[in-house]
Amino acid sequence: MRLILILSLFALALAACEKRPAPIESVESLVANPQRLKELREACKADHAKVGDAQCNAVAEATRRRFLGQGQSPYAGDPVKPPAPPAAESAPPANSAPKD
């Protein structure tokens, strides 16, 4: 009985000492603060596991938003159209012999 009590207290102490993850900074706050974004981008590059997936994903999204603006590529509405494929000519097929 005494052993169970000691083990229960030990388990309770471990649960109380469990390290809670640090709150992540939002994408919006990172977009508004380029210096902090740069610091976190470097931290994610140096030690992704230490910074955490959630924060590094927010850093990546904030970087994308700062680069692309409102989510639209600057080339999305490009008025220059690709050239049309050449039109098929009405020439006779290469395998046919000329008619006399």
PDB file of N, CA and C in Angstrom:
ATOM      1  N   MET A   1       0.822  -1.189   0.000  1.00  0.00           N
ATOM      2  CA  MET A   1       0.000   0.000   0.000  1.00  0.00           C
ATOM      3  C   MET A   1       0.871   1.260   0.000  1.00  0.00           C
ATOM      4  N   ARG A   2       1.912   1.218   0.771  1.00  0.00           N
ATOM      5  CA  ARG A   2       2.804   2.355   0.871  1.00  0.00           C
ATOM      6  C   ARG A   2       3.520   2.604  -0.467  1.00  0.00           C
ATOM      7  N   LEU A   3       3.886   1.517  -1.167  1.00  0.00           N
ATOM      8  CA  LEU A   3       4.548   1.621  -2.466  1.00  0.00           C
ATOM      9  C   LEU A   3       3.629   2.274  -3.496  1.00  0.00           C
ATOM     10  N   ILE A   4       2.367   1.915  -3.468  1.00  0.00           N
ATOM     11  CA  ILE A   4       1.397   2.499  -4.410  1.00  0.00           C
ATOM     12  C   ILE A   4       1.260   3.996  -4.146  1.00  0.00           C
ATOM     13  N   LEU A   5       1.236   4.368  -2.892  1.00  0.00           N
ATOM     14  CA  LEU A   5       1.129   5.783  -2.548  1.00  0.00           C
ATOM     15  C   LEU A   5       2.353   6.560  -3.026  1.00  0.00           C
ATOM     16  N   ILE A   6       3.539   5.998  -2.856  1.00  0.00           N
ATOM     17  CA  ILE A   6       4.775   6.653  -3.295  1.00  0.00           C
ATOM     18  C   ILE A   6       4.800   6.783  -4.812  1.00  0.00           C
ATOM     19  N   LEU A   7       4.407   5.702  -5.509  1.00  0.00           N
ATOM     20  CA  LEU A   7       4.376   5.752  -6.975  1.00  0.00           C
ATOM     21  C   LEU A   7       3.348   6.759  -7.478  1.00  0.00           C
ATOM     22  N   SER A   8       2.218   6.853  -6.808  1.00  0.00           N
ATOM     23  CA  SER A   8       1.183   7.812  -7.207  1.00  0.00           C
ATOM     24  C   SER A   8       1.683   9.241  -7.031  1.00  0.00           C
ATOM     25  N   LEU A   9       2.359   9.498  -5.917  1.00  0.00           N
ATOM     26  CA  LEU A   9       2.899  10.837  -5.697  1.00  0.00           C
ATOM     27  C   LEU A   9       3.990  11.172  -6.716  1.00  0.00           C
ATOM     28  N   PHE A  10       4.811  10.189  -7.042  1.00  0.00           N
ATOM     29  CA  PHE A  10       5.859  10.388  -8.042  1.00  0.00           C
ATOM     30  C   PHE A  10       5.245  10.722  -9.408  1.00  0.00           C
ATOM     31  N   ALA A  11       4.208   9.982  -9.794  1.00  0.00           N
ATOM     32  CA  ALA A  11       3.537  10.231 -11.075  1.00  0.00           C
ATOM     33  C   ALA A  11       2.891  11.614 -11.082  1.00  0.00           C
ATOM     34  N   LEU A  12       2.299  11.986  -9.959  1.00  0.00           N
ATOM     35  CA  LEU A  12       1.678  13.305  -9.851  1.00  0.00           C
ATOM     36  C   LEU A  12       2.725  14.414  -9.966  1.00  0.00           C
ATOM     37  N   ALA A  13       3.871  14.224  -9.361  1.00  0.00           N
ATOM     38  CA  ALA A  13       4.947  15.209  -9.431  1.00  0.00           C
ATOM     39  C   ALA A  13       5.474  15.346 -10.854  1.00  0.00           C
ATOM     40  N   LEU A  14       5.611  14.232 -11.543  1.00  0.00           N
ATOM     41  CA  LEU A  14       6.060  14.292 -12.938  1.00  0.00           C
ATOM     42  C   LEU A  14       5.054  15.030 -13.813  1.00  0.00           C
ATOM     43  N   ALA A  15       3.776  14.772 -13.605  1.00  0.00           N
ATOM     44  CA  ALA A  15       2.743  15.445 -14.398  1.00  0.00           C
ATOM     45  C   ALA A  15       2.750  16.943 -14.135  1.00  0.00           C
ATOM     46  N   ALA A  16       3.004  17.343 -12.906  1.00  0.00           N
ATOM     47  CA  ALA A  16       3.021  18.765 -12.568  1.00  0.00           C
ATOM     48  C   ALA A  16       4.233  19.471 -13.165  1.00  0.00           C
ATOM     49  N   CYS A  17       5.322  18.742 -13.329  1.00  0.00           N
ATOM     50  CA  CYS A  17       6.552  19.342 -13.857  1.00  0.00           C
ATOM     51  C   CYS A  17       6.624  19.303 -15.382  1.00  0.00           C
ATOM     52  N   GLU A  18       5.608  18.741 -16.000  1.00  0.00           N
ATOM     53  CA  GLU A  18       5.637  18.609 -17.460  1.00  0.00           C
ATOM     54  C   GLU A  18       5.748  19.979 -18.107  1.00  0.00           C
ATOM     55  N   LYS A  19       6.646  20.087 -19.044  1.00  0.00           N
ATOM     56  CA  LYS A  19       6.900  21.350 -19.728  1.00  0.00           C
ATOM     57  C   LYS A  19       5.782  21.628 -20.731  1.00  0.00           C
ATOM     58  N   ARG A  20       5.170  22.758 -20.603  1.00  0.00           N
ATOM     59  CA  ARG A  20       4.107  23.138 -21.533  1.00  0.00           C
ATOM     60  C   ARG A  20       4.729  23.844 -22.726  1.00  0.00           C
ATOM     61  N   PRO A  21       4.178  23.609 -23.920  1.00  0.00           N
ATOM     62  CA  PRO A  21       4.738  24.279 -25.098  1.00  0.00           C
ATOM     63  C   PRO A  21       4.481  25.782 -25.046  1.00  0.00           C
ATOM     64  N   ALA A  22       5.429  26.517 -25.532  1.00  0.00           N
ATOM     65  CA  ALA A  22       5.286  27.972 -25.577  1.00  0.00           C
ATOM     66  C   ALA A  22       4.225  28.335 -26.606  1.00  0.00           C
ATOM     67  N   PRO A  23       3.444  29.371 -26.345  1.00  0.00           N
ATOM     68  CA  PRO A  23       2.437  29.774 -27.329  1.00  0.00           C
ATOM     69  C   PRO A  23       3.121  30.271 -28.601  1.00  0.00           C
ATOM     70  N   ILE A  24       2.520  29.943 -29.730  1.00  0.00           N
ATOM     71  CA  ILE A  24       3.128  30.355 -30.998  1.00  0.00           C
ATOM     72  C   ILE A  24       2.657  31.751 -31.369  1.00  0.00           C
ATOM     73  N   GLU A  25       3.495  32.441 -32.102  1.00  0.00           N
ATOM     74  CA  GLU A  25       3.129  33.761 -32.599  1.00  0.00           C
ATOM     75  C   GLU A  25       2.296  33.588 -33.855  1.00  0.00           C
ATOM     76  N   SER A  26       1.262  34.386 -33.985  1.00  0.00           N
ATOM     77  CA  SER A  26       0.346  34.241 -35.113  1.00  0.00           C
ATOM     78  C   SER A  26       0.978  34.715 -36.415  1.00  0.00           C
ATOM     79  N   VAL A  27       0.402  34.230 -37.498  1.00  0.00           N
ATOM     80  CA  VAL A  27       0.869  34.619 -38.831  1.00  0.00           C
ATOM     81  C   VAL A  27       0.718  36.124 -39.017  1.00  0.00           C
ATOM     82  N   GLU A  28      -0.421  36.671 -38.562  1.00  0.00           N
ATOM     83  CA  GLU A  28      -0.684  38.096 -38.733  1.00  0.00           C
ATOM     84  C   GLU A  28       0.338  38.948 -37.986  1.00  0.00           C
ATOM     85  N   SER A  29       0.690  38.523 -36.752  1.00  0.00           N
ATOM     86  CA  SER A  29       1.665  39.313 -35.996  1.00  0.00           C
ATOM     87  C   SER A  29       3.042  39.243 -36.639  1.00  0.00           C
ATOM     88  N   LEU A  30       3.369  38.104 -37.232  1.00  0.00           N
ATOM     89  CA  LEU A  30       4.663  37.968 -37.905  1.00  0.00           C
ATOM     90  C   LEU A  30       4.716  38.782 -39.196  1.00  0.00           C
ATOM     91  N   VAL A  31       3.603  38.832 -39.913  1.00  0.00           N
ATOM     92  CA  VAL A  31       3.547  39.647 -41.137  1.00  0.00           C
ATOM     93  C   VAL A  31       3.753  41.114 -40.781  1.00  0.00           C
ATOM     94  N   ALA A  32       3.195  41.537 -39.652  1.00  0.00           N
ATOM     95  CA  ALA A  32       3.309  42.929 -39.239  1.00  0.00           C
ATOM     96  C   ALA A  32       4.674  43.266 -38.637  1.00  0.00           C
ATOM     97  N   ASN A  33       5.439  42.254 -38.227  1.00  0.00           N
ATOM     98  CA  ASN A  33       6.725  42.496 -37.570  1.00  0.00           C
ATOM     99  C   ASN A  33       7.836  41.752 -38.321  1.00  0.00           C
ATOM    100  N   PRO A  34       8.385  42.351 -39.387  1.00  0.00           N
ATOM    101  CA  PRO A  34       9.378  41.655 -40.215  1.00  0.00           C
ATOM    102  C   PRO A  34      10.661  41.286 -39.473  1.00  0.00           C
ATOM    103  N   GLN A  35      11.055  42.067 -38.475  1.00  0.00           N
ATOM    104  CA  GLN A  35      12.274  41.744 -37.726  1.00  0.00           C
ATOM    105  C   GLN A  35      12.087  40.448 -36.929  1.00  0.00           C
ATOM    106  N   ARG A  36      10.922  40.309 -36.283  1.00  0.00           N
ATOM    107  CA  ARG A  36      10.649  39.081 -35.521  1.00  0.00           C
ATOM    108  C   ARG A  36      10.511  37.889 -36.472  1.00  0.00           C
ATOM    109  N   LEU A  37       9.912  38.114 -37.621  1.00  0.00           N
ATOM    110  CA  LEU A  37       9.783  37.063 -38.625  1.00  0.00           C
ATOM    111  C   LEU A  37      11.161  36.568 -39.056  1.00  0.00           C
ATOM    112  N   LYS A  38      12.076  37.498 -39.265  1.00  0.00           N
ATOM    113  CA  LYS A  38      13.432  37.129 -39.668  1.00  0.00           C
ATOM    114  C   LYS A  38      14.114  36.310 -38.574  1.00  0.00           C
ATOM    115  N   GLU A  39      13.961  36.729 -37.320  1.00  0.00           N
ATOM    116  CA  GLU A  39      14.563  35.991 -36.203  1.00  0.00           C
ATOM    117  C   GLU A  39      14.027  34.566 -36.121  1.00  0.00           C
ATOM    118  N   LEU A  40      12.708  34.427 -36.233  1.00  0.00           N
ATOM    119  CA  LEU A  40      12.118  33.095 -36.143  1.00  0.00           C
ATOM    120  C   LEU A  40      12.456  32.237 -37.355  1.00  0.00           C
ATOM    121  N   ARG A  41      12.565  32.859 -38.521  1.00  0.00           N
ATOM    122  CA  ARG A  41      12.940  32.104 -39.721  1.00  0.00           C
ATOM    123  C   ARG A  41      14.338  31.519 -39.552  1.00  0.00           C
ATOM    124  N   GLU A  42      15.247  32.312 -38.998  1.00  0.00           N
ATOM    125  CA  GLU A  42      16.607  31.823 -38.749  1.00  0.00           C
ATOM    126  C   GLU A  42      16.615  30.740 -37.675  1.00  0.00           C
ATOM    127  N   ALA A  43      15.785  30.911 -36.634  1.00  0.00           N
ATOM    128  CA  ALA A  43      15.701  29.900 -35.575  1.00  0.00           C
ATOM    129  C   ALA A  43      15.148  28.586 -36.113  1.00  0.00           C
ATOM    130  N   CYS A  44      14.153  28.659 -36.985  1.00  0.00           N
ATOM    131  CA  CYS A  44      13.591  27.438 -37.583  1.00  0.00           C
ATOM    132  C   CYS A  44      14.629  26.742 -38.458  1.00  0.00           C
ATOM    133  N   LYS A  45      15.410  27.539 -39.161  1.00  0.00           N
ATOM    134  CA  LYS A  45      16.453  26.968 -40.014  1.00  0.00           C
ATOM    135  C   LYS A  45      17.530  26.294 -39.172  1.00  0.00           C
ATOM    136  N   ALA A  46      17.893  26.906 -38.039  1.00  0.00           N
ATOM    137  CA  ALA A  46      18.962  26.381 -37.194  1.00  0.00           C
ATOM    138  C   ALA A  46      18.517  25.140 -36.414  1.00  0.00           C
ATOM    139  N   ASP A  47      17.319  25.170 -35.819  1.00  0.00           N
ATOM    140  CA  ASP A  47      16.864  24.048 -34.996  1.00  0.00           C
ATOM    141  C   ASP A  47      15.342  23.955 -35.050  1.00  0.00           C
ATOM    142  N   HIS A  48      14.840  23.327 -36.105  1.00  0.00           N
ATOM    143  CA  HIS A  48      13.398  23.209 -36.340  1.00  0.00           C
ATOM    144  C   HIS A  48      12.707  22.492 -35.179  1.00  0.00           C
ATOM    145  N   ALA A  49      13.336  21.437 -34.652  1.00  0.00           N
ATOM    146  CA  ALA A  49      12.725  20.653 -33.579  1.00  0.00           C
ATOM    147  C   ALA A  49      12.546  21.483 -32.317  1.00  0.00           C
ATOM    148  N   LYS A  50      13.486  22.340 -32.014  1.00  0.00           N
ATOM    149  CA  LYS A  50      13.410  23.161 -30.803  1.00  0.00           C
ATOM    150  C   LYS A  50      12.306  24.211 -30.922  1.00  0.00           C
ATOM    151  N   VAL A  51      12.192  24.835 -32.083  1.00  0.00           N
ATOM    152  CA  VAL A  51      11.186  25.882 -32.287  1.00  0.00           C
ATOM    153  C   VAL A  51       9.796  25.257 -32.389  1.00  0.00           C
ATOM    154  N   GLY A  52       9.700  24.127 -33.061  1.00  0.00           N
ATOM    155  CA  GLY A  52       8.420  23.419 -33.173  1.00  0.00           C
ATOM    156  C   GLY A  52       7.781  23.579 -34.534  1.00  0.00           C
ATOM    157  N   ASP A  53       7.048  22.538 -34.920  1.00  0.00           N
ATOM    158  CA  ASP A  53       6.382  22.527 -36.223  1.00  0.00           C
ATOM    159  C   ASP A  53       5.352  23.644 -36.362  1.00  0.00           C
ATOM    160  N   ALA A  54       4.544  23.847 -35.324  1.00  0.00           N
ATOM    161  CA  ALA A  54       3.470  24.841 -35.426  1.00  0.00           C
ATOM    162  C   ALA A  54       4.036  26.239 -35.666  1.00  0.00           C
ATOM    163  N   GLN A  55       5.078  26.601 -34.912  1.00  0.00           N
ATOM    164  CA  GLN A  55       5.658  27.938 -35.083  1.00  0.00           C
ATOM    165  C   GLN A  55       6.352  28.067 -36.424  1.00  0.00           C
ATOM    166  N   CYS A  56       7.095  27.041 -36.831  1.00  0.00           N
ATOM    167  CA  CYS A  56       7.795  27.114 -38.125  1.00  0.00           C
ATOM    168  C   CYS A  56       6.807  27.151 -39.289  1.00  0.00           C
ATOM    169  N   ASN A  57       5.663  26.471 -39.155  1.00  0.00           N
ATOM    170  CA  ASN A  57       4.637  26.555 -40.196  1.00  0.00           C
ATOM    171  C   ASN A  57       4.048  27.961 -40.266  1.00  0.00           C
ATOM    172  N   ALA A  58       3.851  28.590 -39.102  1.00  0.00           N
ATOM    173  CA  ALA A  58       3.358  29.971 -39.084  1.00  0.00           C
ATOM    174  C   ALA A  58       4.380  30.918 -39.705  1.00  0.00           C
ATOM    175  N   VAL A  59       5.659  30.665 -39.448  1.00  0.00           N
ATOM    176  CA  VAL A  59       6.729  31.484 -40.035  1.00  0.00           C
ATOM    177  C   VAL A  59       6.722  31.338 -41.557  1.00  0.00           C
ATOM    178  N   ALA A  60       6.571  30.113 -42.037  1.00  0.00           N
ATOM    179  CA  ALA A  60       6.547  29.883 -43.485  1.00  0.00           C
ATOM    180  C   ALA A  60       5.350  30.575 -44.136  1.00  0.00           C
ATOM    181  N   GLU A  61       4.190  30.499 -43.503  1.00  0.00           N
ATOM    182  CA  GLU A  61       2.998  31.147 -44.053  1.00  0.00           C
ATOM    183  C   GLU A  61       3.146  32.666 -44.046  1.00  0.00           C
ATOM    184  N   ALA A  62       3.717  33.226 -42.979  1.00  0.00           N
ATOM    185  CA  ALA A  62       3.922  34.677 -42.913  1.00  0.00           C
ATOM    186  C   ALA A  62       4.915  35.127 -43.979  1.00  0.00           C
ATOM    187  N   THR A  63       5.954  34.336 -44.200  1.00  0.00           N
ATOM    188  CA  THR A  63       6.931  34.665 -45.248  1.00  0.00           C
ATOM    189  C   THR A  63       6.267  34.650 -46.612  1.00  0.00           C
ATOM    190  N   ARG A  64       5.419  33.639 -46.846  1.00  0.00           N
ATOM    191  CA  ARG A  64       4.704  33.541 -48.126  1.00  0.00           C
ATOM    192  C   ARG A  64       3.791  34.753 -48.318  1.00  0.00           C
ATOM    193  N   ARG A  65       3.067  35.135 -47.275  1.00  0.00           N
ATOM    194  CA  ARG A  65       2.156  36.284 -47.391  1.00  0.00           C
ATOM    195  C   ARG A  65       2.911  37.585 -47.632  1.00  0.00           C
ATOM    196  N   ARG A  66       4.045  37.759 -46.975  1.00  0.00           N
ATOM    197  CA  ARG A  66       4.823  38.986 -47.195  1.00  0.00           C
ATOM    198  C   ARG A  66       5.378  39.024 -48.611  1.00  0.00           C
ATOM    199  N   PHE A  67       5.741  37.865 -49.141  1.00  0.00           N
ATOM    200  CA  PHE A  67       6.308  37.819 -50.487  1.00  0.00           C
ATOM    201  C   PHE A  67       5.239  38.003 -51.551  1.00  0.00           C
ATOM    202  N   LEU A  68       4.100  37.327 -51.398  1.00  0.00           N
ATOM    203  CA  LEU A  68       3.059  37.366 -52.425  1.00  0.00           C
ATOM    204  C   LEU A  68       1.997  38.427 -52.179  1.00  0.00           C
ATOM    205  N   GLY A  69       2.020  39.080 -51.051  1.00  0.00           N
ATOM    206  CA  GLY A  69       0.991  40.076 -50.777  1.00  0.00           C
ATOM    207  C   GLY A  69      -0.301  39.410 -50.359  1.00  0.00           C
ATOM    208  N   GLN A  70      -1.379  39.715 -51.024  1.00  0.00           N
ATOM    209  CA  GLN A  70      -2.688  39.179 -50.658  1.00  0.00           C
ATOM    210  C   GLN A  70      -2.947  37.792 -51.232  1.00  0.00           C
ATOM    211  N   GLY A  71      -1.911  37.052 -51.484  1.00  0.00           N
ATOM    212  CA  GLY A  71      -2.092  35.688 -51.956  1.00  0.00           C
ATOM    213  C   GLY A  71      -2.091  35.560 -53.466  1.00  0.00           C
ATOM    214  N   GLN A  72      -1.987  36.658 -54.163  1.00  0.00           N
ATOM    215  CA  GLN A  72      -1.974  36.621 -55.617  1.00  0.00           C
ATOM    216  C   GLN A  72      -0.558  36.842 -56.122  1.00  0.00           C
ATOM    217  N   SER A  73      -0.151  36.009 -57.004  1.00  0.00           N
ATOM    218  CA  SER A  73       1.145  36.186 -57.631  1.00  0.00           C
ATOM    219  C   SER A  73       1.092  37.438 -58.489  1.00  0.00           C
ATOM    220  N   PRO A  74       2.168  38.189 -58.559  1.00  0.00           N
ATOM    221  CA  PRO A  74       2.148  39.373 -59.410  1.00  0.00           C
ATOM    222  C   PRO A  74       2.001  39.017 -60.886  1.00  0.00           C
ATOM    223  N   TYR A  75       2.168  37.762 -61.225  1.00  0.00           N
ATOM    224  CA  TYR A  75       2.082  37.332 -62.617  1.00  0.00           C
ATOM    225  C   TYR A  75       0.747  36.676 -62.934  1.00  0.00           C
ATOM    226  N   ALA A  76      -0.161  36.587 -61.959  1.00  0.00           N
ATOM    227  CA  ALA A  76      -1.431  35.894 -62.169  1.00  0.00           C
ATOM    228  C   ALA A  76      -2.303  36.584 -63.219  1.00  0.00           C
ATOM    229  N   GLY A  77      -2.304  37.899 -63.267  1.00  0.00           N
ATOM    230  CA  GLY A  77      -3.142  38.616 -64.221  1.00  0.00           C
ATOM    231  C   GLY A  77      -2.346  39.158 -65.390  1.00  0.00           C
ATOM    232  N   ASP A  78      -1.264  38.493 -65.717  1.00  0.00           N
ATOM    233  CA  ASP A  78      -0.378  38.972 -66.779  1.00  0.00           C
ATOM    234  C   ASP A  78      -1.146  39.060 -68.098  1.00  0.00           C
ATOM    235  N   PRO A  79      -1.200  40.239 -68.741  1.00  0.00           N
ATOM    236  CA  PRO A  79      -1.967  40.381 -69.983  1.00  0.00           C
ATOM    237  C   PRO A  79      -1.297  39.724 -71.190  1.00  0.00           C
ATOM    238  N   VAL A  80      -0.041  39.364 -71.060  1.00  0.00           N
ATOM    239  CA  VAL A  80       0.643  38.747 -72.193  1.00  0.00           C
ATOM    240  C   VAL A  80       0.195  37.295 -72.308  1.00  0.00           C
ATOM    241  N   LYS A  81      -0.341  36.947 -73.447  1.00  0.00           N
ATOM    242  CA  LYS A  81      -0.836  35.591 -73.671  1.00  0.00           C
ATOM    243  C   LYS A  81       0.236  34.778 -74.394  1.00  0.00           C
ATOM    244  N   PRO A  82       0.295  33.475 -74.135  1.00  0.00           N
ATOM    245  CA  PRO A  82       1.252  32.651 -74.870  1.00  0.00           C
ATOM    246  C   PRO A  82       0.861  32.585 -76.344  1.00  0.00           C
ATOM    247  N   PRO A  83       1.823  32.394 -77.221  1.00  0.00           N
ATOM    248  CA  PRO A  83       1.483  32.347 -78.649  1.00  0.00           C
ATOM    249  C   PRO A  83       0.586  31.148 -78.966  1.00  0.00           C
ATOM    250  N   ALA A  84      -0.266  31.359 -79.965  1.00  0.00           N
ATOM    251  CA  ALA A  84      -1.173  30.281 -80.387  1.00  0.00           C
ATOM    252  C   ALA A  84      -0.376  29.232 -81.152  1.00  0.00           C
ATOM    253  N   PRO A  85      -0.786  27.979 -81.080  1.00  0.00           N
ATOM    254  CA  PRO A  85      -0.083  26.949 -81.845  1.00  0.00           C
ATOM    255  C   PRO A  85      -0.259  27.209 -83.343  1.00  0.00           C
ATOM    256  N   PRO A  86       0.709  26.792 -84.145  1.00  0.00           N
ATOM    257  CA  PRO A  86       0.584  27.038 -85.598  1.00  0.00           C
ATOM    258  C   PRO A  86      -0.648  26.336 -86.169  1.00  0.00           C
ATOM    259  N   ALA A  87      -1.293  27.015 -87.112  1.00  0.00           N
ATOM    260  CA  ALA A  87      -2.491  26.447 -87.733  1.00  0.00           C
ATOM    261  C   ALA A  87      -2.086  25.314 -88.667  1.00  0.00           C
ATOM    262  N   ALA A  88      -2.931  24.307 -88.754  1.00  0.00           N
ATOM    263  CA  ALA A  88      -2.663  23.178 -89.653  1.00  0.00           C
ATOM    264  C   ALA A  88      -2.840  23.663 -91.085  1.00  0.00           C
ATOM    265  N   GLU A  89      -1.821  23.422 -91.904  1.00  0.00           N
ATOM    266  CA  GLU A  89      -1.891  23.850 -93.303  1.00  0.00           C
ATOM    267  C   GLU A  89      -2.646  22.802 -94.102  1.00  0.00           C
ATOM    268  N   SER A  90      -3.181  23.217 -95.224  1.00  0.00           N
ATOM    269  CA  SER A  90      -3.944  22.294 -96.064  1.00  0.00           C
ATOM    270  C   SER A  90      -3.035  21.645 -97.105  1.00  0.00           C
ATOM    271  N   ALA A  91      -1.813  21.335 -96.743  1.00  0.00           N
ATOM    272  CA  ALA A  91      -0.884  20.669 -97.669  1.00  0.00           C
ATOM    273  C   ALA A  91      -1.216  19.179 -97.716  1.00  0.00           C
ATOM    274  N   PRO A  92      -0.929  18.533 -98.862  1.00  0.00           N
ATOM    275  CA  PRO A  92      -1.220  17.094 -98.946  1.00  0.00           C
ATOM    276  C   PRO A  92      -0.297  16.326 -98.003  1.00  0.00           C
ATOM    277  N   PRO A  93      -0.743  15.177 -97.536  1.00  0.00           N
ATOM    278  CA  PRO A  93       0.090  14.370 -96.637  1.00  0.00           C
ATOM    279  C   PRO A  93       1.407  14.000 -97.321  1.00  0.00           C
ATOM    280  N   ALA A  94       2.433  13.812 -96.568  1.00  0.00           N
ATOM    281  CA  ALA A  94       3.763  13.525 -97.094  1.00  0.00           C
ATOM    282  C   ALA A  94       3.832  12.177 -97.819  1.00  0.00           C
ATOM    283  N   ASN A  95       2.970  11.246 -97.504  1.00  0.00           N
ATOM    284  CA  ASN A  95       3.029   9.900 -98.106  1.00  0.00           C
ATOM    285  C   ASN A  95       2.328   9.806 -99.447  1.00  0.00           C
ATOM    286  N   SER A  96       1.548  10.781 -99.801  1.00  0.00           N
ATOM    287  CA  SER A  96       0.787  10.676-101.065  1.00  0.00           C
ATOM    288  C   SER A  96       1.650  11.137-102.241  1.00  0.00           C
ATOM    289  N   ALA A  97       1.458  10.490-103.344  1.00  0.00           N
ATOM    290  CA  ALA A  97       2.197  10.820-104.585  1.00  0.00           C
ATOM    291  C   ALA A  97       1.452  11.907-105.325  1.00  0.00           C
ATOM    292  N   PRO A  98       2.186  12.762-106.040  1.00  0.00           N
ATOM    293  CA  PRO A  98       1.504  13.828-106.806  1.00  0.00           C
ATOM    294  C   PRO A  98       0.641  13.227-107.912  1.00  0.00           C
ATOM    295  N   LYS A  99      -0.478  13.844-108.181  1.00  0.00           N
ATOM    296  CA  LYS A  99      -1.387  13.361-109.236  1.00  0.00           C
ATOM    297  C   LYS A  99      -0.978  13.964-110.568  1.00  0.00           C
ATOM    298  N   ASP A 100      -1.111  13.131-111.654  1.00  0.00           N
ATOM    299  CA  ASP A 100      -0.764  13.583-113.002  1.00  0.00           C
ATOM    300  C   ASP A 100      -1.947  14.139-113.700  1.00  0.00           C
TER     301      ASP A 100
END
